[in-house]
Amino acid sequence: MLNTYTAKYTKISSGYMGQLVEWPEVITEGKTLEECRTMVTDALQEMIKAYRQQSKEIPVGRALLEQIPVEV
């Protein structure tokens, strides 16, 4: 079964932090955005393995993100 997750990337002093919206425990960092994307994918695959081994329910993906403009 193919599932889709939503990754959020934040610029930090050492590069980028990546985290899944639907599964906040999947979080990692990379020096570049591409490295961070790879690390998030690897972290997701490892988390899926760990959840399966522990017979835990894997969170469902497909979050909807929306940017809301506001003047500050």
PDB file of N, CA and C in Angstrom:
ATOM      1  N   MET A   1       0.841  -1.185   0.000  1.00  0.00           N
ATOM      2  CA  MET A   1       0.000   0.000   0.000  1.00  0.00           C
ATOM      3  C   MET A   1       0.887   1.250   0.000  1.00  0.00           C
ATOM      4  N   LEU A   2       0.590   2.167  -0.875  1.00  0.00           N
ATOM      5  CA  LEU A   2       1.345   3.414  -0.961  1.00  0.00           C
ATOM      6  C   LEU A   2       0.655   4.475  -0.126  1.00  0.00           C
ATOM      7  N   ASN A   3       1.407   5.121   0.721  1.00  0.00           N
ATOM      8  CA  ASN A   3       0.880   6.201   1.548  1.00  0.00           C
ATOM      9  C   ASN A   3       1.758   7.427   1.330  1.00  0.00           C
ATOM     10  N   THR A   4       1.200   8.595   1.460  1.00  0.00           N
ATOM     11  CA  THR A   4       1.930   9.842   1.256  1.00  0.00           C
ATOM     12  C   THR A   4       1.949  10.647   2.546  1.00  0.00           C
ATOM     13  N   TYR A   5       3.122  11.142   2.907  1.00  0.00           N
ATOM     14  CA  TYR A   5       3.271  11.969   4.107  1.00  0.00           C
ATOM     15  C   TYR A   5       3.707  13.369   3.710  1.00  0.00           C
ATOM     16  N   THR A   6       3.457  14.317   4.587  1.00  0.00           N
ATOM     17  CA  THR A   6       3.765  15.719   4.329  1.00  0.00           C
ATOM     18  C   THR A   6       4.975  16.126   5.167  1.00  0.00           C
ATOM     19  N   ALA A   7       6.054  16.508   4.484  1.00  0.00           N
ATOM     20  CA  ALA A   7       7.272  16.935   5.178  1.00  0.00           C
ATOM     21  C   ALA A   7       7.304  18.457   5.274  1.00  0.00           C
ATOM     22  N   LYS A   8       7.743  18.934   6.426  1.00  0.00           N
ATOM     23  CA  LYS A   8       7.914  20.377   6.650  1.00  0.00           C
ATOM     24  C   LYS A   8       9.406  20.613   6.867  1.00  0.00           C
ATOM     25  N   TYR A   9       9.980  21.540   6.130  1.00  0.00           N
ATOM     26  CA  TYR A   9      11.404  21.850   6.244  1.00  0.00           C
ATOM     27  C   TYR A   9      11.573  23.255   6.794  1.00  0.00           C
ATOM     28  N   THR A  10      12.451  23.377   7.773  1.00  0.00           N
ATOM     29  CA  THR A  10      12.718  24.659   8.406  1.00  0.00           C
ATOM     30  C   THR A  10      14.216  24.951   8.323  1.00  0.00           C
ATOM     31  N   LYS A  11      14.567  26.135   7.878  1.00  0.00           N
ATOM     32  CA  LYS A  11      15.973  26.550   7.830  1.00  0.00           C
ATOM     33  C   LYS A  11      16.459  26.791   9.249  1.00  0.00           C
ATOM     34  N   ILE A  12      17.568  26.161   9.607  1.00  0.00           N
ATOM     35  CA  ILE A  12      18.193  26.337  10.918  1.00  0.00           C
ATOM     36  C   ILE A  12      19.659  26.708  10.715  1.00  0.00           C
ATOM     37  N   SER A  13      20.340  27.069  11.773  1.00  0.00           N
ATOM     38  CA  SER A  13      21.723  27.547  11.640  1.00  0.00           C
ATOM     39  C   SER A  13      22.667  26.512  11.031  1.00  0.00           C
ATOM     40  N   SER A  14      22.419  25.229  11.272  1.00  0.00           N
ATOM     41  CA  SER A  14      23.305  24.187  10.746  1.00  0.00           C
ATOM     42  C   SER A  14      22.834  23.604   9.411  1.00  0.00           C
ATOM     43  N   GLY A  15      21.737  24.121   8.859  1.00  0.00           N
ATOM     44  CA  GLY A  15      21.227  23.625   7.582  1.00  0.00           C
ATOM     45  C   GLY A  15      19.710  23.630   7.562  1.00  0.00           C
ATOM     46  N   TYR A  16      19.111  22.426   7.571  1.00  0.00           N
ATOM     47  CA  TYR A  16      17.652  22.289   7.535  1.00  0.00           C
ATOM     48  C   TYR A  16      17.185  21.223   8.508  1.00  0.00           C
ATOM     49  N   MET A  17      16.022  21.457   9.092  1.00  0.00           N
ATOM     50  CA  MET A  17      15.364  20.467   9.921  1.00  0.00           C
ATOM     51  C   MET A  17      14.137  19.999   9.155  1.00  0.00           C
ATOM     52  N   GLY A  18      13.937  18.692   9.086  1.00  0.00           N
ATOM     53  CA  GLY A  18      12.775  18.132   8.409  1.00  0.00           C
ATOM     54  C   GLY A  18      11.932  17.330   9.391  1.00  0.00           C
ATOM     55  N   GLN A  19      10.621  17.463   9.279  1.00  0.00           N
ATOM     56  CA  GLN A  19       9.704  16.773  10.181  1.00  0.00           C
ATOM     57  C   GLN A  19       8.430  16.442   9.415  1.00  0.00           C
ATOM     58  N   LEU A  20       7.833  15.295   9.728  1.00  0.00           N
ATOM     59  CA  LEU A  20       6.571  14.936   9.093  1.00  0.00           C
ATOM     60  C   LEU A  20       5.416  15.537   9.869  1.00  0.00           C
ATOM     61  N   VAL A  21       4.486  16.139   9.155  1.00  0.00           N
ATOM     62  CA  VAL A  21       3.333  16.789   9.774  1.00  0.00           C
ATOM     63  C   VAL A  21       2.457  15.752  10.476  1.00  0.00           C
ATOM     64  N   GLU A  22       2.180  14.650   9.795  1.00  0.00           N
ATOM     65  CA  GLU A  22       1.284  13.633  10.336  1.00  0.00           C
ATOM     66  C   GLU A  22       1.949  12.760  11.394  1.00  0.00           C
ATOM     67  N   TRP A  23       3.264  12.771  11.447  1.00  0.00           N
ATOM     68  CA  TRP A  23       4.018  11.894  12.348  1.00  0.00           C
ATOM     69  C   TRP A  23       5.194  12.686  12.920  1.00  0.00           C
ATOM     70  N   PRO A  24       4.930  13.586  13.869  1.00  0.00           N
ATOM     71  CA  PRO A  24       5.953  14.513  14.367  1.00  0.00           C
ATOM     72  C   PRO A  24       7.198  13.852  14.964  1.00  0.00           C
ATOM     73  N   GLU A  25       7.090  12.570  15.342  1.00  0.00           N
ATOM     74  CA  GLU A  25       8.256  11.868  15.884  1.00  0.00           C
ATOM     75  C   GLU A  25       9.315  11.619  14.813  1.00  0.00           C
ATOM     76  N   VAL A  26       8.924  11.703  13.536  1.00  0.00           N
ATOM     77  CA  VAL A  26       9.883  11.553  12.441  1.00  0.00           C
ATOM     78  C   VAL A  26      10.469  12.930  12.175  1.00  0.00           C
ATOM     79  N   ILE A  27      11.667  13.135  12.701  1.00  0.00           N
ATOM     80  CA  ILE A  27      12.323  14.446  12.619  1.00  0.00           C
ATOM     81  C   ILE A  27      13.821  14.222  12.441  1.00  0.00           C
ATOM     82  N   THR A  28      14.447  15.050  11.631  1.00  0.00           N
ATOM     83  CA  THR A  28      15.875  14.900  11.384  1.00  0.00           C
ATOM     84  C   THR A  28      16.444  16.219  10.862  1.00  0.00           C
ATOM     85  N   GLU A  29      17.741  16.239  10.649  1.00  0.00           N
ATOM     86  CA  GLU A  29      18.418  17.434  10.135  1.00  0.00           C
ATOM     87  C   GLU A  29      19.389  17.053   9.036  1.00  0.00           C
ATOM     88  N   GLY A  30      19.677  18.018   8.159  1.00  0.00           N
ATOM     89  CA  GLY A  30      20.676  17.846   7.112  1.00  0.00           C
ATOM     90  C   GLY A  30      21.334  19.177   6.817  1.00  0.00           C
ATOM     91  N   LYS A  31      22.540  19.119   6.281  1.00  0.00           N
ATOM     92  CA  LYS A  31      23.262  20.357   5.958  1.00  0.00           C
ATOM     93  C   LYS A  31      22.628  21.086   4.784  1.00  0.00           C
ATOM     94  N   THR A  32      22.062  20.327   3.840  1.00  0.00           N
ATOM     95  CA  THR A  32      21.381  20.922   2.690  1.00  0.00           C
ATOM     96  C   THR A  32      19.939  20.422   2.670  1.00  0.00           C
ATOM     97  N   LEU A  33      19.119  21.070   1.866  1.00  0.00           N
ATOM     98  CA  LEU A  33      17.730  20.649   1.747  1.00  0.00           C
ATOM     99  C   LEU A  33      17.643  19.238   1.164  1.00  0.00           C
ATOM    100  N   GLU A  34      18.454  18.953   0.163  1.00  0.00           N
ATOM    101  CA  GLU A  34      18.455  17.618  -0.444  1.00  0.00           C
ATOM    102  C   GLU A  34      18.875  16.551   0.570  1.00  0.00           C
ATOM    103  N   GLU A  35      19.901  16.842   1.348  1.00  0.00           N
ATOM    104  CA  GLU A  35      20.345  15.897   2.379  1.00  0.00           C
ATOM    105  C   GLU A  35      19.247  15.684   3.411  1.00  0.00           C
ATOM    106  N   CYS A  36      18.570  16.745   3.774  1.00  0.00           N
ATOM    107  CA  CYS A  36      17.491  16.651   4.753  1.00  0.00           C
ATOM    108  C   CYS A  36      16.339  15.810   4.207  1.00  0.00           C
ATOM    109  N   ARG A  37      16.006  15.990   2.939  1.00  0.00           N
ATOM    110  CA  ARG A  37      14.949  15.181   2.313  1.00  0.00           C
ATOM    111  C   ARG A  37      15.302  13.695   2.376  1.00  0.00           C
ATOM    112  N   THR A  38      16.542  13.383   2.068  1.00  0.00           N
ATOM    113  CA  THR A  38      16.998  11.992   2.125  1.00  0.00           C
ATOM    114  C   THR A  38      16.913  11.457   3.544  1.00  0.00           C
ATOM    115  N   MET A  39      17.329  12.278   4.506  1.00  0.00           N
ATOM    116  CA  MET A  39      17.311  11.859   5.912  1.00  0.00           C
ATOM    117  C   MET A  39      15.883  11.642   6.408  1.00  0.00           C
ATOM    118  N   VAL A  40      14.935  12.494   5.986  1.00  0.00           N
ATOM    119  CA  VAL A  40      13.535  12.328   6.388  1.00  0.00           C
ATOM    120  C   VAL A  40      12.989  11.011   5.831  1.00  0.00           C
ATOM    121  N   THR A  41      13.296  10.725   4.575  1.00  0.00           N
ATOM    122  CA  THR A  41      12.836   9.470   3.966  1.00  0.00           C
ATOM    123  C   THR A  41      13.409   8.274   4.713  1.00  0.00           C
ATOM    124  N   ASP A  42      14.696   8.315   5.023  1.00  0.00           N
ATOM    125  CA  ASP A  42      15.324   7.231   5.780  1.00  0.00           C
ATOM    126  C   ASP A  42      14.698   7.090   7.168  1.00  0.00           C
ATOM    127  N   ALA A  43      14.486   8.215   7.836  1.00  0.00           N
ATOM    128  CA  ALA A  43      13.896   8.189   9.182  1.00  0.00           C
ATOM    129  C   ALA A  43      12.480   7.620   9.136  1.00  0.00           C
ATOM    130  N   LEU A  44      11.714   7.973   8.106  1.00  0.00           N
ATOM    131  CA  LEU A  44      10.360   7.448   7.954  1.00  0.00           C
ATOM    132  C   LEU A  44      10.391   5.934   7.771  1.00  0.00           C
ATOM    133  N   GLN A  45      11.260   5.450   6.918  1.00  0.00           N
ATOM    134  CA  GLN A  45      11.356   4.003   6.688  1.00  0.00           C
ATOM    135  C   GLN A  45      11.746   3.261   7.962  1.00  0.00           C
ATOM    136  N   GLU A  46      12.668   3.823   8.726  1.00  0.00           N
ATOM    137  CA  GLU A  46      13.075   3.193   9.984  1.00  0.00           C
ATOM    138  C   GLU A  46      11.948   3.219  11.012  1.00  0.00           C
ATOM    139  N   MET A  47      11.193   4.310  11.052  1.00  0.00           N
ATOM    140  CA  MET A  47      10.081   4.412  12.003  1.00  0.00           C
ATOM    141  C   MET A  47       8.988   3.400  11.643  1.00  0.00           C
ATOM    142  N   ILE A  48       8.724   3.222  10.364  1.00  0.00           N
ATOM    143  CA  ILE A  48       7.740   2.230   9.930  1.00  0.00           C
ATOM    144  C   ILE A  48       8.169   0.838  10.377  1.00  0.00           C
ATOM    145  N   LYS A  49       9.449   0.508  10.178  1.00  0.00           N
ATOM    146  CA  LYS A  49       9.961  -0.798  10.619  1.00  0.00           C
ATOM    147  C   LYS A  49       9.767  -0.986  12.117  1.00  0.00           C
ATOM    148  N   ALA A  50      10.137   0.044  12.888  1.00  0.00           N
ATOM    149  CA  ALA A  50      10.034  -0.033  14.352  1.00  0.00           C
ATOM    150  C   ALA A  50       8.581  -0.208  14.795  1.00  0.00           C
ATOM    151  N   TYR A  51       7.671   0.540  14.179  1.00  0.00           N
ATOM    152  CA  TYR A  51       6.249   0.427  14.538  1.00  0.00           C
ATOM    153  C   TYR A  51       5.713  -0.960  14.195  1.00  0.00           C
ATOM    154  N   ARG A  52       6.116  -1.502  13.062  1.00  0.00           N
ATOM    155  CA  ARG A  52       5.659  -2.843  12.676  1.00  0.00           C
ATOM    156  C   ARG A  52       6.181  -3.893  13.658  1.00  0.00           C
ATOM    157  N   GLN A  53       7.434  -3.771  14.050  1.00  0.00           N
ATOM    158  CA  GLN A  53       8.013  -4.719  15.003  1.00  0.00           C
ATOM    159  C   GLN A  53       7.287  -4.679  16.341  1.00  0.00           C
ATOM    160  N   GLN A  54       6.809  -3.509  16.719  1.00  0.00           N
ATOM    161  CA  GLN A  54       6.118  -3.339  18.002  1.00  0.00           C
ATOM    162  C   GLN A  54       4.600  -3.478  17.864  1.00  0.00           C
ATOM    163  N   SER A  55       4.138  -3.823  16.666  1.00  0.00           N
ATOM    164  CA  SER A  55       2.707  -3.960  16.373  1.00  0.00           C
ATOM    165  C   SER A  55       1.925  -2.698  16.715  1.00  0.00           C
ATOM    166  N   LYS A  56       2.545  -1.547  16.467  1.00  0.00           N
ATOM    167  CA  LYS A  56       1.882  -0.262  16.677  1.00  0.00           C
ATOM    168  C   LYS A  56       1.206   0.178  15.390  1.00  0.00           C
ATOM    169  N   GLU A  57       0.158   0.984  15.530  1.00  0.00           N
ATOM    170  CA  GLU A  57      -0.543   1.509  14.369  1.00  0.00           C
ATOM    171  C   GLU A  57       0.278   2.630  13.727  1.00  0.00           C
ATOM    172  N   ILE A  58       0.481   2.522  12.431  1.00  0.00           N
ATOM    173  CA  ILE A  58       1.248   3.523  11.689  1.00  0.00           C
ATOM    174  C   ILE A  58       0.322   4.688  11.342  1.00  0.00           C
ATOM    175  N   PRO A  59       0.711   5.925  11.683  1.00  0.00           N
ATOM    176  CA  PRO A  59      -0.131   7.084  11.368  1.00  0.00           C
ATOM    177  C   PRO A  59      -0.404   7.198   9.869  1.00  0.00           C
ATOM    178  N   VAL A  60      -1.578   7.666   9.542  1.00  0.00           N
ATOM    179  CA  VAL A  60      -1.989   7.848   8.149  1.00  0.00           C
ATOM    180  C   VAL A  60      -1.477   9.192   7.652  1.00  0.00           C
ATOM    181  N   GLY A  61      -1.071   9.241   6.405  1.00  0.00           N
ATOM    182  CA  GLY A  61      -0.576  10.476   5.805  1.00  0.00           C
ATOM    183  C   GLY A  61      -1.688  11.291   5.180  1.00  0.00           C
ATOM    184  N   ARG A  62      -1.320  12.117   4.222  1.00  0.00           N
ATOM    185  CA  ARG A  62      -2.224  12.956   3.436  1.00  0.00           C
ATOM    186  C   ARG A  62      -2.753  14.168   4.192  1.00  0.00           C
ATOM    187  N   ALA A  63      -1.900  14.881   4.872  1.00  0.00           N
ATOM    188  CA  ALA A  63      -2.313  16.121   5.546  1.00  0.00           C
ATOM    189  C   ALA A  63      -2.513  17.217   4.500  1.00  0.00           C
ATOM    190  N   LEU A  64      -3.314  18.170   4.834  1.00  0.00           N
ATOM    191  CA  LEU A  64      -3.531  19.337   3.978  1.00  0.00           C
ATOM    192  C   LEU A  64      -2.889  20.527   4.670  1.00  0.00           C
ATOM    193  N   LEU A  65      -1.946  21.156   3.999  1.00  0.00           N
ATOM    194  CA  LEU A  65      -1.289  22.337   4.547  1.00  0.00           C
ATOM    195  C   LEU A  65      -1.776  23.565   3.806  1.00  0.00           C
ATOM    196  N   GLU A  66      -1.916  24.626   4.544  1.00  0.00           N
ATOM    197  CA  GLU A  66      -2.360  25.878   3.958  1.00  0.00           C
ATOM    198  C   GLU A  66      -1.622  27.029   4.624  1.00  0.00           C
ATOM    199  N   GLN A  67      -1.101  27.938   3.833  1.00  0.00           N
ATOM    200  CA  GLN A  67      -0.461  29.114   4.381  1.00  0.00           C
ATOM    201  C   GLN A  67      -1.510  30.202   4.526  1.00  0.00           C
ATOM    202  N   ILE A  68      -1.490  30.849   5.675  1.00  0.00           N
ATOM    203  CA  ILE A  68      -2.457  31.906   5.965  1.00  0.00           C
ATOM    204  C   ILE A  68      -1.706  33.222   6.137  1.00  0.00           C
ATOM    205  N   PRO A  69      -1.881  34.162   5.199  1.00  0.00           N
ATOM    206  CA  PRO A  69      -1.160  35.433   5.286  1.00  0.00           C
ATOM    207  C   PRO A  69      -1.773  36.323   6.367  1.00  0.00           C
ATOM    208  N   VAL A  70      -0.895  37.007   7.094  1.00  0.00           N
ATOM    209  CA  VAL A  70      -1.361  37.947   8.123  1.00  0.00           C
ATOM    210  C   VAL A  70      -0.304  39.066   8.235  1.00  0.00           C
ATOM    211  N   GLU A  71      -0.763  40.259   8.359  1.00  0.00           N
ATOM    212  CA  GLU A  71       0.155  41.379   8.474  1.00  0.00           C
ATOM    213  C   GLU A  71       0.575  41.512   9.933  1.00  0.00           C
ATOM    214  N   VAL A  72       1.895  41.612  10.154  1.00  0.00           N
ATOM    215  CA  VAL A  72       2.410  41.752  11.525  1.00  0.00           C
ATOM    216  C   VAL A  72       3.202  43.019  11.676  1.00  0.00           C
TER     217      VAL A  72
END
